[in-house]
Protein backbone atom coordinates (compact mmCIF):
# COMPACT_ATOMS: atom_id res chain seq x y z
CA UNK A 1 -22.63 -22.89 -31.39
CA UNK A 2 -19.62 -23.94 -29.31
CA UNK A 3 -20.98 -27.45 -28.95
CA UNK A 4 -21.41 -27.76 -32.73
CA UNK A 5 -17.87 -26.49 -33.30
CA UNK A 6 -16.42 -28.95 -30.77
CA UNK A 7 -18.43 -31.79 -32.32
CA UNK A 8 -17.05 -30.93 -35.75
CA UNK A 9 -13.50 -30.86 -34.37
CA UNK A 10 -13.97 -34.21 -32.65
CA UNK A 11 -15.40 -35.77 -35.83
CA UNK A 12 -12.45 -34.41 -37.80
CA UNK A 13 -9.99 -35.87 -35.28
CA UNK A 14 -11.68 -39.29 -35.50
CA UNK A 15 -11.44 -39.18 -39.31
CA UNK A 16 -7.72 -38.38 -39.12
CA UNK A 17 -7.13 -41.19 -36.60
CA UNK A 18 -9.00 -43.68 -38.81
CA UNK A 19 -6.98 -42.63 -41.88
CA UNK A 20 -3.70 -42.91 -39.98
CA UNK A 21 -4.58 -46.35 -38.63
CA UNK A 22 -5.47 -47.57 -42.12
CA UNK A 23 -2.27 -46.17 -43.61
CA UNK A 24 -0.17 -47.59 -40.74
CA UNK A 25 -1.14 -51.09 -41.80
CA UNK A 26 0.28 -50.41 -45.26
CA UNK A 27 3.69 -49.23 -44.00
CA UNK A 28 6.74 -51.37 -44.74
CA UNK A 29 8.14 -53.53 -41.94
CA UNK A 30 11.40 -51.51 -41.70
CA UNK A 31 9.48 -48.26 -41.14
CA UNK A 32 7.35 -49.85 -38.43
CA UNK A 33 10.51 -51.09 -36.66
CA UNK A 34 12.09 -47.61 -36.80
CA UNK A 35 8.92 -46.05 -35.41
CA UNK A 36 8.84 -48.60 -32.57
CA UNK A 37 12.49 -47.90 -31.70
CA UNK A 38 11.89 -44.14 -31.76
CA UNK A 39 8.91 -44.59 -29.43
CA UNK A 40 10.96 -46.72 -27.02
CA UNK A 41 13.76 -44.12 -27.04
CA UNK A 42 11.30 -41.31 -26.35
CA UNK A 43 9.71 -43.24 -23.48
CA UNK A 44 13.12 -44.02 -21.96
CA UNK A 45 14.04 -40.31 -21.96
CA UNK A 46 10.76 -39.26 -20.46
CA UNK A 47 11.21 -38.00 -16.92
CA UNK A 48 9.70 -40.08 -14.22
CA UNK A 49 7.22 -38.15 -12.11
CA UNK A 50 8.40 -37.74 -8.52
CA UNK A 51 5.52 -38.80 -6.25
CA UNK A 52 7.02 -36.89 -3.29
CA UNK A 53 6.84 -33.58 -5.17
CA UNK A 54 3.06 -33.48 -5.34
CA UNK A 55 1.14 -30.54 -3.92
CA UNK A 56 -1.24 -31.61 -1.19
CA UNK A 57 -4.08 -29.24 -0.44
CA UNK A 58 -6.18 -29.59 2.69
CA UNK A 59 -4.19 -32.18 4.67
CA UNK A 60 -5.80 -35.37 3.42
CA UNK A 61 -4.84 -38.38 5.55
CA UNK A 62 -6.17 -41.91 5.85
CA UNK A 63 -9.51 -41.81 7.62
CA UNK A 64 -9.58 -38.02 7.46
CA UNK A 65 -12.18 -37.88 4.66
CA UNK A 66 -10.70 -34.71 3.20
CA UNK A 67 -11.05 -32.57 6.32
CA UNK A 68 -7.93 -30.90 7.66
CA UNK A 69 -7.28 -31.19 11.37
CA UNK A 70 -6.08 -27.63 11.80
CA UNK A 71 -8.47 -25.84 9.43
CA UNK A 72 -12.17 -25.79 10.10
CA UNK A 73 -14.68 -24.01 7.85
CA UNK A 74 -15.15 -21.14 10.33
CA UNK A 75 -11.39 -20.56 10.36
CA UNK A 76 -11.30 -20.22 6.58
CA UNK A 77 -14.09 -17.67 6.73
CA UNK A 78 -12.33 -15.86 9.56
CA UNK A 79 -9.18 -15.50 7.45
CA UNK A 80 -11.21 -13.45 4.97
CA UNK A 81 -13.44 -11.57 7.42
CA UNK A 82 -10.75 -10.31 9.83
CA UNK A 83 -8.76 -8.29 7.26
CA UNK A 84 -11.98 -6.85 5.84
CA UNK A 85 -13.12 -5.81 9.31
CA UNK A 86 -9.71 -4.24 10.02
CA UNK A 87 -9.95 -2.33 6.76
CA UNK A 88 -13.48 -1.11 7.60
CA UNK A 89 -12.44 0.02 11.11
CA UNK A 90 -9.37 1.76 9.68
CA UNK A 91 -11.43 3.64 7.12
CA UNK A 92 -13.96 4.61 9.79
CA UNK A 93 -11.13 5.86 12.03
CA UNK A 94 -9.71 7.94 9.18
CA UNK A 95 -13.15 9.41 8.50
CA UNK A 96 -13.61 10.33 12.18
CA UNK A 97 -10.14 11.87 12.33
CA UNK A 98 -10.82 14.00 9.26
CA UNK A 99 -14.17 15.13 10.69
CA UNK A 100 -12.53 16.09 13.98
CA UNK A 101 -9.77 17.94 12.13
CA UNK A 102 -12.35 19.91 10.15
CA UNK A 103 -14.25 20.78 13.36
CA UNK A 104 -11.02 21.96 15.00
CA UNK A 105 -10.14 24.13 11.99
CA UNK A 106 -13.57 25.77 12.02
CA UNK A 107 -13.32 26.34 15.77
CA UNK A 108 -9.98 28.08 15.30
CA UNK A 109 -11.51 30.35 12.65
CA UNK A 110 -14.49 31.13 14.90
CA UNK A 111 -12.22 31.88 17.84
CA UNK A 112 -10.02 34.10 15.71
CA UNK A 113 -13.03 36.04 14.45
CA UNK A 114 -14.49 36.47 17.93
CA UNK A 115 -11.22 37.42 19.65
CA UNK A 116 -9.86 39.64 16.90
CA UNK A 117 -10.83 43.27 16.80
CA UNK A 118 -12.82 43.83 13.68
CA UNK A 119 -13.04 47.12 11.86
CA UNK A 120 -16.56 48.62 11.78
CA UNK A 121 -16.71 48.05 8.02
CA UNK A 122 -16.64 44.26 8.59
CA UNK A 123 -19.98 44.44 10.39
CA UNK A 124 -21.44 46.37 7.45
CA UNK A 125 -20.37 43.68 4.98
CA UNK A 126 -23.39 41.56 3.92
CA UNK A 127 -21.28 38.44 3.46
CA UNK A 128 -19.89 38.68 6.99
CA UNK A 129 -23.38 39.14 8.44
CA UNK A 130 -24.63 36.15 6.48
CA UNK A 131 -21.71 34.10 7.84
CA UNK A 132 -22.51 35.15 11.41
CA UNK A 133 -26.23 34.40 10.97
CA UNK A 134 -25.51 31.01 9.45
CA UNK A 135 -23.08 30.17 12.24
CA UNK A 136 -25.58 31.28 14.89
CA UNK A 137 -28.38 29.20 13.35
CA UNK A 138 -26.14 26.11 13.23
CA UNK A 139 -25.26 26.48 16.91
CA UNK A 140 -28.95 26.78 17.83
CA UNK A 141 -29.84 23.62 15.92
CA UNK A 142 -27.03 21.71 17.68
CA UNK A 143 -28.45 22.61 21.11
């Protein structure tokens, strides 16, 4: 569909160019001279491109065949891989820190429960017994 649309546009442009060329031959001599002068004026005001302001990518020199002396393919890959590896190690470190923090918090709670004097009603509470049984089972599985 895109190809057909582009083909139609190209055909239309060729028809316009043909019609303009045919009508240009019928223009009076004075009009042709004015158009030529206007074209010359426009070309004289056109900025010259500065060849020294070109962007050179990859350090192309004579005999270099497009390869840069200071950039090898492994270096380009390394530029991408190193930040990704640093990000992965940083995220892993954060995960380990959070895990250790959670373990320390649970240890503080366990120590507080074991050191603190509990009222006899706490041992009668089913939820507290379930917590102690769960904690005991987890410690046995770790050993």
